[in-house]
Amino acid sequence: MTYKPPRRPQFFYTTAPLPCPYVSGRTERKVVTEITGPDADNLHDRLSRAGFRRSHNIAYAPVCPSCQACVPIRIPVATFVPDRGLRRISRANAAVEGYNMPARATAEQFQLFQRYQQARHSDGDMATMSFYDYRAMIEDTPIETTITEFRGPGERLVGGCLTDRLGDGLSAVYSFFAPECEKQSLGTYAILWLIERARLQKLPYVYLGYWVPESRKMAYKARFRPCEILVQGTWRTLTDGEAGQAPGMAADLVPETAG
């Protein structure tokens, strides 16, 4: 008879209030829990379906009093149909190849990451990250994680997308790209690439984190239609009226997939 140690209880903690990174003038609070042990993959799967996101070995979800601006969102791969603008972005990146790599940080990635942060988020905390901070972001993972390197002509690295593998899909954690390629909408192309990757792997969903209609940089996620949102514990299709709440849905909006 094989001895099975008792499953340890899963503890959840609430963070102190901090300024909201998405909606000016508001504060955010998160519920967090550790993802560890031999059951880490299954735990992460369950938490992802419940609207949690991963950072290092921590899963988190917003629990902000009197605010429900952050809405978990995912793309059902089987029914997704790119609109005219998304098809245009695919054509604009026809010369870009995606390579699924192990979650290992490289100096080449970090140099691109630094240039992206300085160009797009120079006043943010990530702009001051060292290589060791970046390596921790990429490599500190208790689950199956990869980083997709996007390379243009001449094998030049033009983008990266950190991605978690779930039992029912792929979860886009964070993406970055060469600032001079902004007009190519590489952030959007990375999501289209993940959708096709999930299709080839027969995975039903691509998880995009949180849709925040009040935040321009997080509102773009509603353009990948049809998509599903998590409302009161149930995943359902986002309606046209709800998607219309999102500001800044311009075809040339270039996203990042953090959060």
Protein backbone atom coordinates (compact mmCIF):
# COMPACT_ATOMS: atom_id res chain seq x y z
CA MET A 1 0.00 0.00 0.00
CA THR A 2 1.40 3.37 -1.03
CA TYR A 3 1.37 6.12 1.56
CA LYS A 4 -0.18 9.39 0.39
CA PRO A 5 0.52 12.38 2.59
CA PRO A 6 -2.54 14.45 3.43
CA ARG A 7 -3.16 17.37 1.10
CA ARG A 8 -2.13 20.58 2.78
CA PRO A 9 -4.74 23.34 2.94
CA GLN A 10 -4.60 26.08 0.30
CA PHE A 11 -4.22 29.47 1.95
CA PHE A 12 -5.44 32.70 0.36
CA TYR A 13 -4.38 36.19 1.43
CA THR A 14 -5.61 39.69 0.61
CA THR A 15 -3.10 42.39 -0.26
CA ALA A 16 -3.10 45.92 1.13
CA PRO A 17 -4.72 48.64 -1.04
CA LEU A 18 -2.48 50.07 -3.77
CA PRO A 19 -3.09 52.57 -6.59
CA CYS A 20 -4.93 50.90 -9.47
CA PRO A 21 -2.68 50.49 -12.54
CA TYR A 22 -5.63 50.58 -14.94
CA VAL A 23 -8.19 53.15 -13.77
CA SER A 24 -6.91 56.48 -12.48
CA GLY A 25 -7.99 57.52 -9.00
CA ARG A 26 -8.93 54.04 -7.81
CA THR A 27 -7.18 51.56 -5.55
CA GLU A 28 -6.77 47.84 -6.06
CA ARG A 29 -6.67 44.85 -3.77
CA LYS A 30 -5.85 41.28 -4.74
CA VAL A 31 -6.42 37.85 -3.32
CA VAL A 32 -3.26 35.77 -3.72
CA THR A 33 -2.24 32.18 -3.16
CA GLU A 34 0.91 30.15 -3.73
CA ILE A 35 1.18 27.61 -6.55
CA THR A 36 3.53 24.88 -5.38
CA GLY A 37 3.89 21.15 -5.01
CA PRO A 38 3.20 18.14 -7.22
CA ASP A 39 -0.38 19.31 -7.88
CA ALA A 40 0.70 22.77 -9.11
CA ASP A 41 -0.53 22.24 -12.68
CA ASN A 42 -4.00 21.11 -11.61
CA LEU A 43 -4.26 23.91 -9.07
CA HIS A 44 -3.25 26.47 -11.68
CA ASP A 45 -5.84 25.07 -14.09
CA ARG A 46 -8.62 25.39 -11.53
CA LEU A 47 -7.58 28.89 -10.53
CA SER A 48 -7.32 30.03 -14.16
CA ARG A 49 -10.85 28.84 -14.87
CA ALA A 50 -11.92 30.83 -11.80
CA GLY A 51 -10.37 34.04 -13.15
CA PHE A 52 -6.93 34.01 -11.49
CA ARG A 53 -3.65 35.01 -13.17
CA ARG A 54 -0.09 33.86 -12.47
CA SER A 55 3.03 35.82 -11.57
CA HIS A 56 6.08 33.72 -10.60
CA ASN A 57 4.67 31.08 -8.21
CA ILE A 58 1.73 33.23 -7.11
CA ALA A 59 -1.82 33.23 -8.46
CA TYR A 60 -3.86 36.39 -7.96
CA ALA A 61 -7.27 37.87 -8.70
CA PRO A 62 -8.73 41.34 -8.03
CA VAL A 63 -11.04 41.75 -5.03
CA CYS A 64 -11.49 45.50 -5.11
CA PRO A 65 -14.34 46.85 -2.95
CA SER A 66 -17.09 48.55 -4.97
CA CYS A 67 -15.30 47.92 -8.29
CA GLN A 68 -15.66 45.16 -10.87
CA ALA A 69 -13.76 46.83 -13.72
CA CYS A 70 -11.41 43.85 -14.29
CA VAL A 71 -13.25 41.07 -16.13
CA PRO A 72 -11.54 37.73 -16.90
CA ILE A 73 -11.65 37.06 -20.65
CA ARG A 74 -10.76 34.13 -22.92
CA ILE A 75 -11.09 33.23 -26.61
CA PRO A 76 -12.88 30.01 -27.67
CA VAL A 77 -10.53 28.82 -30.39
CA ALA A 78 -13.09 26.76 -32.34
CA THR A 79 -15.47 29.67 -32.93
CA PHE A 80 -13.01 32.56 -33.23
CA VAL A 81 -13.17 34.38 -36.57
CA PRO A 82 -10.70 37.24 -37.21
CA ASP A 83 -12.30 40.41 -38.47
CA ARG A 84 -10.99 42.48 -41.34
CA GLY A 85 -8.58 44.45 -39.14
CA LEU A 86 -7.11 41.31 -37.59
CA ARG A 87 -6.65 39.72 -40.99
CA ARG A 88 -4.80 42.85 -42.08
CA ILE A 89 -2.46 42.51 -39.08
CA SER A 90 -1.76 38.86 -39.98
CA ARG A 91 -0.80 39.90 -43.51
CA ALA A 92 1.42 42.71 -42.20
CA ASN A 93 3.37 40.13 -40.18
CA ALA A 94 3.65 37.45 -42.84
CA ALA A 95 7.45 37.62 -42.62
CA VAL A 96 7.46 37.14 -38.83
CA GLU A 97 8.01 33.61 -37.50
CA GLY A 98 7.15 32.44 -33.98
CA TYR A 99 9.41 29.97 -32.18
CA ASN A 100 8.19 28.29 -29.01
CA MET A 101 11.16 28.21 -26.62
CA PRO A 102 11.71 26.87 -23.07
CA ALA A 103 11.19 29.44 -20.32
CA ARG A 104 14.82 30.54 -20.20
CA ALA A 105 15.86 34.18 -20.16
CA THR A 106 18.49 35.34 -22.64
CA ALA A 107 20.48 38.55 -22.98
CA GLU A 108 18.92 39.09 -26.41
CA GLN A 109 15.41 38.92 -24.96
CA PHE A 110 16.32 41.22 -22.10
CA GLN A 111 17.75 43.88 -24.40
CA LEU A 112 14.51 43.91 -26.38
CA PHE A 113 12.48 43.93 -23.16
CA GLN A 114 14.43 46.95 -21.90
CA ARG A 115 13.93 48.87 -25.14
CA TYR A 116 10.20 48.11 -25.02
CA GLN A 117 9.87 49.29 -21.42
CA GLN A 118 11.81 52.52 -22.03
CA ALA A 119 9.75 53.34 -25.11
CA ARG A 120 6.29 52.41 -23.79
CA HIS A 121 6.41 52.34 -19.98
CA SER A 122 9.39 54.45 -18.92
CA ASP A 123 7.60 55.61 -15.75
CA GLY A 124 6.61 52.07 -14.67
CA ASP A 125 8.28 49.70 -12.22
CA MET A 126 9.25 47.24 -14.96
CA ALA A 127 11.42 49.87 -16.67
CA THR A 128 13.99 49.51 -13.87
CA MET A 129 14.13 45.71 -13.89
CA SER A 130 17.59 44.16 -13.97
CA PHE A 131 18.45 41.05 -15.95
CA TYR A 132 18.02 39.03 -12.76
CA ASP A 133 14.52 40.47 -12.29
CA TYR A 134 13.69 39.62 -15.89
CA ARG A 135 15.08 36.11 -15.49
CA ALA A 136 12.91 35.60 -12.41
CA MET A 137 9.82 36.74 -14.36
CA ILE A 138 10.57 34.23 -17.12
CA GLU A 139 11.98 31.28 -15.20
CA ASP A 140 10.25 31.33 -11.79
CA THR A 141 7.31 29.14 -12.72
CA PRO A 142 5.97 25.99 -11.06
CA ILE A 143 4.04 24.95 -14.18
CA GLU A 144 4.64 24.32 -17.89
CA THR A 145 5.65 27.69 -19.33
CA THR A 146 7.26 28.74 -22.60
CA ILE A 147 8.39 31.98 -24.19
CA THR A 148 7.60 32.52 -27.84
CA GLU A 149 10.30 34.42 -29.71
CA PHE A 150 9.04 36.30 -32.76
CA ARG A 151 11.72 36.84 -35.38
CA GLY A 152 11.59 38.92 -38.51
CA PRO A 153 13.78 38.92 -41.63
CA GLY A 154 17.37 37.99 -40.88
CA GLU A 155 16.26 36.16 -37.72
CA ARG A 156 16.10 39.48 -35.85
CA LEU A 157 14.23 39.18 -32.54
CA VAL A 158 11.24 41.56 -32.73
CA GLY A 159 8.96 40.25 -29.97
CA GLY A 160 8.42 37.85 -27.10
CA CYS A 161 5.39 36.35 -25.39
CA LEU A 162 5.53 34.49 -22.07
CA THR A 163 2.84 31.80 -22.14
CA ASP A 164 1.50 29.24 -19.65
CA ARG A 165 0.16 25.87 -20.80
CA LEU A 166 -3.16 24.93 -19.18
CA GLY A 167 -5.16 21.75 -19.38
CA ASP A 168 -7.75 23.55 -21.49
CA GLY A 169 -5.69 26.14 -23.31
CA LEU A 170 -2.88 28.66 -23.43
CA SER A 171 -2.60 31.66 -21.12
CA ALA A 172 -0.82 34.79 -22.39
CA VAL A 173 1.15 36.15 -19.42
CA TYR A 174 3.15 39.05 -20.88
CA SER A 175 4.34 40.21 -24.28
CA PHE A 176 6.80 42.81 -25.51
CA PHE A 177 8.06 43.90 -28.91
CA ALA A 178 10.50 46.13 -30.76
CA PRO A 179 9.29 49.75 -30.44
CA GLU A 180 10.17 50.50 -34.06
CA CYS A 181 7.73 47.76 -35.16
CA GLU A 182 4.74 49.38 -33.44
CA LYS A 183 2.83 49.88 -36.70
CA GLN A 184 2.91 46.11 -37.30
CA SER A 185 0.75 45.54 -34.19
CA LEU A 186 3.02 42.74 -33.00
CA GLY A 187 1.18 42.48 -29.67
CA THR A 188 -2.05 41.70 -31.49
CA TYR A 189 -0.22 39.34 -33.84
CA ALA A 190 1.15 37.43 -30.82
CA ILE A 191 -2.41 36.68 -29.70
CA LEU A 192 -3.41 35.58 -33.21
CA TRP A 193 -0.35 33.30 -33.21
CA LEU A 194 -1.38 31.80 -29.85
CA ILE A 195 -4.89 31.16 -31.15
CA GLU A 196 -3.51 29.23 -34.10
CA ARG A 197 -1.07 27.40 -31.82
CA ALA A 198 -3.93 26.35 -29.52
CA ARG A 199 -5.92 25.22 -32.55
CA LEU A 200 -3.06 23.00 -33.72
CA GLN A 201 -2.70 21.54 -30.22
CA LYS A 202 -6.49 20.97 -30.02
CA LEU A 203 -6.76 23.22 -26.97
CA PRO A 204 -10.14 24.97 -26.64
CA TYR A 205 -9.14 28.37 -25.17
CA VAL A 206 -6.63 31.19 -25.14
CA TYR A 207 -6.78 33.12 -21.86
CA LEU A 208 -6.01 36.85 -22.08
CA GLY A 209 -6.20 37.88 -18.44
CA TYR A 210 -8.44 40.84 -17.62
CA TRP A 211 -10.55 42.94 -19.93
CA VAL A 212 -10.89 46.44 -18.46
CA PRO A 213 -13.35 48.51 -20.56
CA GLU A 214 -12.39 51.71 -18.71
CA SER A 215 -8.70 51.30 -19.51
CA ARG A 216 -7.52 52.01 -23.04
CA LYS A 217 -4.51 49.71 -22.76
CA MET A 218 -6.67 46.79 -21.53
CA ALA A 219 -9.83 47.37 -23.60
CA TYR A 220 -8.38 45.92 -26.82
CA LYS A 221 -9.04 42.36 -25.66
CA ALA A 222 -12.71 42.60 -26.60
CA ARG A 223 -11.81 42.84 -30.30
CA PHE A 224 -11.04 39.10 -30.49
CA ARG A 225 -14.57 37.92 -31.19
CA PRO A 226 -16.37 35.87 -30.23
CA CYS A 227 -14.87 35.83 -26.77
CA GLU A 228 -16.06 34.81 -23.32
CA ILE A 229 -16.04 36.69 -20.02
CA LEU A 230 -16.34 35.36 -16.48
CA VAL A 231 -19.33 36.91 -14.69
CA GLN A 232 -20.46 35.75 -11.24
CA GLY A 233 -18.57 32.49 -11.60
CA THR A 234 -19.87 31.60 -15.08
CA TRP A 235 -18.15 31.95 -18.44
CA ARG A 236 -20.46 33.41 -21.09
CA THR A 237 -20.16 35.07 -24.50
CA LEU A 238 -19.40 38.79 -24.51
CA THR A 239 -22.25 40.62 -26.23
CA ASP A 240 -21.91 43.32 -28.88
CA GLY A 241 -23.33 45.89 -26.48
CA GLU A 242 -20.79 45.05 -23.77
CA ALA A 243 -17.90 45.07 -26.22
CA GLY A 244 -19.02 48.51 -27.37
CA GLN A 245 -18.20 49.89 -23.92
CA ALA A 246 -14.50 49.57 -24.67
CA PRO A 247 -12.74 52.79 -25.66
CA GLY A 248 -9.90 52.85 -28.14
CA MET A 249 -10.78 49.83 -30.25
CA ALA A 250 -8.82 51.21 -33.21
CA ALA A 251 -7.39 48.64 -35.62
CA ASP A 252 -3.84 49.83 -35.05
CA LEU A 253 -3.94 49.54 -31.24
CA VAL A 254 -0.90 47.53 -30.17
CA PRO A 255 -1.49 45.70 -26.88
CA GLU A 256 0.55 44.02 -24.23
CA THR A 257 -0.83 40.92 -22.57
CA ALA A 258 0.05 41.58 -18.97
CA GLY A 259 -2.72 41.38 -16.40
